[in-house]
Amino acid sequence: MHILGVERSYQRIVGWFQPFAGPRTLAPLYEVYIGMDPSRIAFRREQKAHQFVILDPRREGAPIGVMEDLQPANYIRPI
């Protein structure tokens, strides 16, 4: 599966990407600094995350994968 996360606060917008994560794989975590929030209004911190899971490709007529909401997003943030 792949994991995508983003955090938006008044000071910054930053994203995290962890490709090919799985039960037997410790995939690297990439942090992407997108920049400062251009809004002039101070919003509370917002976090969103999704996981993209690859299903069994041998099943006939089944979807290849699914996107699932990964909330709360707090536990995927790097330390």
N, C-alpha and C. Protein backbone atom coordinates (compact mmCIF):
# COMPACT_ATOMS: atom_id res chain seq x y z
N MET A 1 0.84 -1.17 0.00
CA MET A 1 0.00 0.00 0.00
C MET A 1 0.89 1.23 0.00
N HIS A 2 0.31 2.34 -0.38
CA HIS A 2 0.97 3.65 -0.32
C HIS A 2 0.19 4.51 0.66
N ILE A 3 0.89 5.33 1.42
CA ILE A 3 0.25 6.21 2.39
C ILE A 3 0.60 7.66 2.05
N LEU A 4 -0.42 8.49 1.96
CA LEU A 4 -0.24 9.92 1.71
C LEU A 4 -0.86 10.69 2.87
N GLY A 5 -0.15 11.68 3.37
CA GLY A 5 -0.66 12.51 4.44
C GLY A 5 -0.28 13.96 4.22
N VAL A 6 -1.08 14.87 4.76
CA VAL A 6 -0.79 16.29 4.63
C VAL A 6 -1.22 17.00 5.91
N GLU A 7 -0.45 18.01 6.29
CA GLU A 7 -0.80 18.85 7.43
C GLU A 7 -0.79 20.29 6.98
N ARG A 8 -1.86 21.00 7.32
CA ARG A 8 -1.96 22.42 6.98
C ARG A 8 -2.17 23.19 8.26
N SER A 9 -1.33 24.15 8.49
CA SER A 9 -1.48 25.05 9.63
C SER A 9 -1.27 26.47 9.12
N TYR A 10 -1.37 27.44 10.01
CA TYR A 10 -1.18 28.83 9.61
C TYR A 10 0.24 29.08 9.11
N GLN A 11 1.22 28.34 9.67
CA GLN A 11 2.62 28.57 9.32
C GLN A 11 3.06 27.83 8.06
N ARG A 12 2.50 26.62 7.79
CA ARG A 12 3.06 25.83 6.69
C ARG A 12 2.06 24.79 6.19
N ILE A 13 2.39 24.26 5.01
CA ILE A 13 1.70 23.10 4.45
C ILE A 13 2.80 22.09 4.14
N VAL A 14 2.66 20.90 4.69
CA VAL A 14 3.68 19.86 4.51
C VAL A 14 2.97 18.53 4.25
N GLY A 15 3.59 17.69 3.41
CA GLY A 15 3.01 16.39 3.10
C GLY A 15 3.99 15.27 3.38
N TRP A 16 3.46 14.08 3.57
CA TRP A 16 4.28 12.89 3.78
C TRP A 16 3.83 11.81 2.82
N PHE A 17 4.78 11.05 2.30
CA PHE A 17 4.50 9.97 1.35
C PHE A 17 5.31 8.75 1.75
N GLN A 18 4.65 7.63 1.91
CA GLN A 18 5.33 6.37 2.22
C GLN A 18 4.90 5.33 1.18
N PRO A 19 5.75 5.07 0.17
CA PRO A 19 5.38 4.12 -0.87
C PRO A 19 5.68 2.68 -0.47
N PHE A 20 4.88 1.77 -0.97
CA PHE A 20 5.11 0.33 -0.83
C PHE A 20 5.27 -0.10 0.62
N ALA A 21 4.42 0.40 1.50
CA ALA A 21 4.43 -0.01 2.90
C ALA A 21 3.64 -1.31 3.02
N GLY A 22 4.07 -2.17 3.91
CA GLY A 22 3.37 -3.44 4.11
C GLY A 22 3.80 -4.10 5.39
N PRO A 23 3.21 -5.25 5.70
CA PRO A 23 3.53 -5.92 6.97
C PRO A 23 4.97 -6.44 7.04
N ARG A 24 5.59 -6.68 5.89
CA ARG A 24 6.97 -7.19 5.91
C ARG A 24 7.97 -6.18 5.35
N THR A 25 7.53 -4.96 5.16
CA THR A 25 8.39 -3.95 4.54
C THR A 25 8.41 -2.68 5.37
N LEU A 26 9.59 -2.20 5.69
CA LEU A 26 9.74 -0.91 6.35
C LEU A 26 10.12 0.10 5.27
N ALA A 27 9.10 0.69 4.68
CA ALA A 27 9.31 1.61 3.56
C ALA A 27 9.79 2.96 4.08
N PRO A 28 10.61 3.67 3.28
CA PRO A 28 11.06 5.00 3.70
C PRO A 28 9.90 5.99 3.69
N LEU A 29 9.97 6.98 4.55
CA LEU A 29 8.96 8.03 4.64
C LEU A 29 9.56 9.31 4.08
N TYR A 30 8.90 9.90 3.11
CA TYR A 30 9.37 11.12 2.49
C TYR A 30 8.53 12.30 2.97
N GLU A 31 9.21 13.39 3.33
CA GLU A 31 8.53 14.61 3.75
C GLU A 31 8.69 15.64 2.65
N VAL A 32 7.59 16.27 2.27
CA VAL A 32 7.60 17.27 1.21
C VAL A 32 7.09 18.58 1.79
N TYR A 33 7.96 19.58 1.87
CA TYR A 33 7.57 20.90 2.35
C TYR A 33 6.97 21.67 1.19
N ILE A 34 5.69 21.95 1.24
CA ILE A 34 4.99 22.61 0.14
C ILE A 34 5.14 24.12 0.24
N GLY A 35 5.13 24.66 1.44
CA GLY A 35 5.33 26.10 1.60
C GLY A 35 4.44 26.68 2.66
N MET A 36 4.39 28.00 2.68
CA MET A 36 3.56 28.70 3.65
C MET A 36 2.12 28.72 3.15
N ASP A 37 1.18 28.72 4.07
CA ASP A 37 -0.22 28.81 3.72
C ASP A 37 -0.49 30.23 3.23
N PRO A 38 -1.00 30.41 2.01
CA PRO A 38 -1.21 31.77 1.49
C PRO A 38 -2.40 32.49 2.12
N SER A 39 -3.20 31.77 2.88
CA SER A 39 -4.38 32.39 3.51
C SER A 39 -3.95 33.40 4.57
N ARG A 40 -4.68 34.48 4.67
CA ARG A 40 -4.40 35.48 5.71
C ARG A 40 -5.21 35.21 6.97
N ILE A 41 -6.04 34.18 6.92
CA ILE A 41 -6.87 33.81 8.07
C ILE A 41 -6.18 32.67 8.81
N ALA A 42 -6.07 32.78 10.12
CA ALA A 42 -5.40 31.74 10.92
C ALA A 42 -6.40 30.62 11.22
N PHE A 43 -6.28 29.52 10.48
CA PHE A 43 -7.12 28.35 10.70
C PHE A 43 -6.45 27.44 11.73
N ARG A 44 -7.24 26.56 12.33
CA ARG A 44 -6.65 25.55 13.21
C ARG A 44 -5.92 24.53 12.36
N ARG A 45 -5.00 23.80 12.97
CA ARG A 45 -4.22 22.79 12.25
C ARG A 45 -5.16 21.72 11.71
N GLU A 46 -4.90 21.31 10.47
CA GLU A 46 -5.75 20.34 9.80
C GLU A 46 -4.87 19.21 9.27
N GLN A 47 -5.28 17.97 9.49
CA GLN A 47 -4.52 16.82 9.03
C GLN A 47 -5.44 15.88 8.26
N LYS A 48 -4.97 15.38 7.13
CA LYS A 48 -5.70 14.42 6.31
C LYS A 48 -4.73 13.34 5.87
N ALA A 49 -5.25 12.12 5.70
CA ALA A 49 -4.41 11.03 5.22
C ALA A 49 -5.28 9.99 4.51
N HIS A 50 -4.68 9.34 3.53
CA HIS A 50 -5.34 8.26 2.79
C HIS A 50 -4.32 7.15 2.59
N GLN A 51 -4.83 5.92 2.53
CA GLN A 51 -3.98 4.80 2.15
C GLN A 51 -4.55 4.18 0.88
N PHE A 52 -3.65 3.81 0.00
CA PHE A 52 -4.01 3.19 -1.27
C PHE A 52 -3.55 1.74 -1.18
N VAL A 53 -4.51 0.82 -1.07
CA VAL A 53 -4.22 -0.58 -0.83
C VAL A 53 -4.37 -1.37 -2.11
N ILE A 54 -3.35 -2.15 -2.46
CA ILE A 54 -3.40 -3.03 -3.62
C ILE A 54 -3.99 -4.36 -3.18
N LEU A 55 -5.07 -4.78 -3.85
CA LEU A 55 -5.76 -6.01 -3.50
C LEU A 55 -5.16 -7.19 -4.27
N ASP A 56 -5.70 -8.37 -4.08
CA ASP A 56 -5.22 -9.58 -4.74
C ASP A 56 -5.47 -9.48 -6.25
N PRO A 57 -4.42 -9.41 -7.07
CA PRO A 57 -4.61 -9.24 -8.52
C PRO A 57 -5.12 -10.51 -9.21
N ARG A 58 -5.17 -11.63 -8.53
CA ARG A 58 -5.59 -12.89 -9.16
C ARG A 58 -7.10 -13.06 -9.18
N ARG A 59 -7.84 -12.22 -8.46
CA ARG A 59 -9.30 -12.35 -8.42
C ARG A 59 -9.91 -11.76 -9.68
N GLU A 60 -10.68 -12.56 -10.39
CA GLU A 60 -11.34 -12.12 -11.62
C GLU A 60 -12.44 -11.11 -11.33
N GLY A 61 -12.47 -10.02 -12.05
CA GLY A 61 -13.53 -9.03 -11.92
C GLY A 61 -13.47 -8.17 -10.67
N ALA A 62 -12.47 -8.36 -9.85
CA ALA A 62 -12.33 -7.58 -8.62
C ALA A 62 -11.52 -6.31 -8.90
N PRO A 63 -11.72 -5.26 -8.12
CA PRO A 63 -10.90 -4.06 -8.31
C PRO A 63 -9.43 -4.33 -7.98
N ILE A 64 -8.55 -3.61 -8.64
CA ILE A 64 -7.11 -3.78 -8.42
C ILE A 64 -6.70 -3.23 -7.06
N GLY A 65 -7.35 -2.16 -6.63
CA GLY A 65 -7.02 -1.55 -5.35
C GLY A 65 -8.13 -0.64 -4.88
N VAL A 66 -7.97 -0.16 -3.66
CA VAL A 66 -8.95 0.75 -3.07
C VAL A 66 -8.22 1.89 -2.36
N MET A 67 -8.90 3.04 -2.27
CA MET A 67 -8.39 4.16 -1.48
C MET A 67 -9.23 4.21 -0.21
N GLU A 68 -8.58 4.26 0.94
CA GLU A 68 -9.28 4.30 2.21
C GLU A 68 -8.86 5.54 2.99
N ASP A 69 -9.82 6.12 3.68
CA ASP A 69 -9.55 7.25 4.54
C ASP A 69 -8.74 6.75 5.74
N LEU A 70 -7.68 7.42 6.07
CA LEU A 70 -6.81 7.01 7.16
C LEU A 70 -6.87 8.06 8.26
N GLN A 71 -7.91 7.99 9.08
CA GLN A 71 -8.08 8.95 10.15
C GLN A 71 -8.16 8.23 11.49
N PRO A 72 -7.67 8.72 12.57
CA PRO A 72 -7.01 10.02 12.63
C PRO A 72 -5.61 9.96 12.00
N ALA A 73 -5.24 11.04 11.37
CA ALA A 73 -3.95 11.09 10.68
C ALA A 73 -2.78 11.28 11.63
N ASN A 74 -3.04 11.47 12.91
CA ASN A 74 -1.97 11.78 13.87
C ASN A 74 -0.91 10.70 13.93
N TYR A 75 -1.29 9.44 13.80
CA TYR A 75 -0.31 8.39 14.06
C TYR A 75 0.62 8.11 12.89
N ILE A 76 0.46 8.74 11.74
CA ILE A 76 1.42 8.51 10.66
C ILE A 76 2.47 9.61 10.58
N ARG A 77 2.33 10.65 11.38
CA ARG A 77 3.31 11.73 11.35
C ARG A 77 4.65 11.26 11.85
N PRO A 78 5.73 11.67 11.20
CA PRO A 78 7.06 11.32 11.71
C PRO A 78 7.37 12.05 13.00
N ILE A 79 8.26 11.47 13.77
CA ILE A 79 8.64 12.08 15.05
C ILE A 79 9.66 13.16 14.84
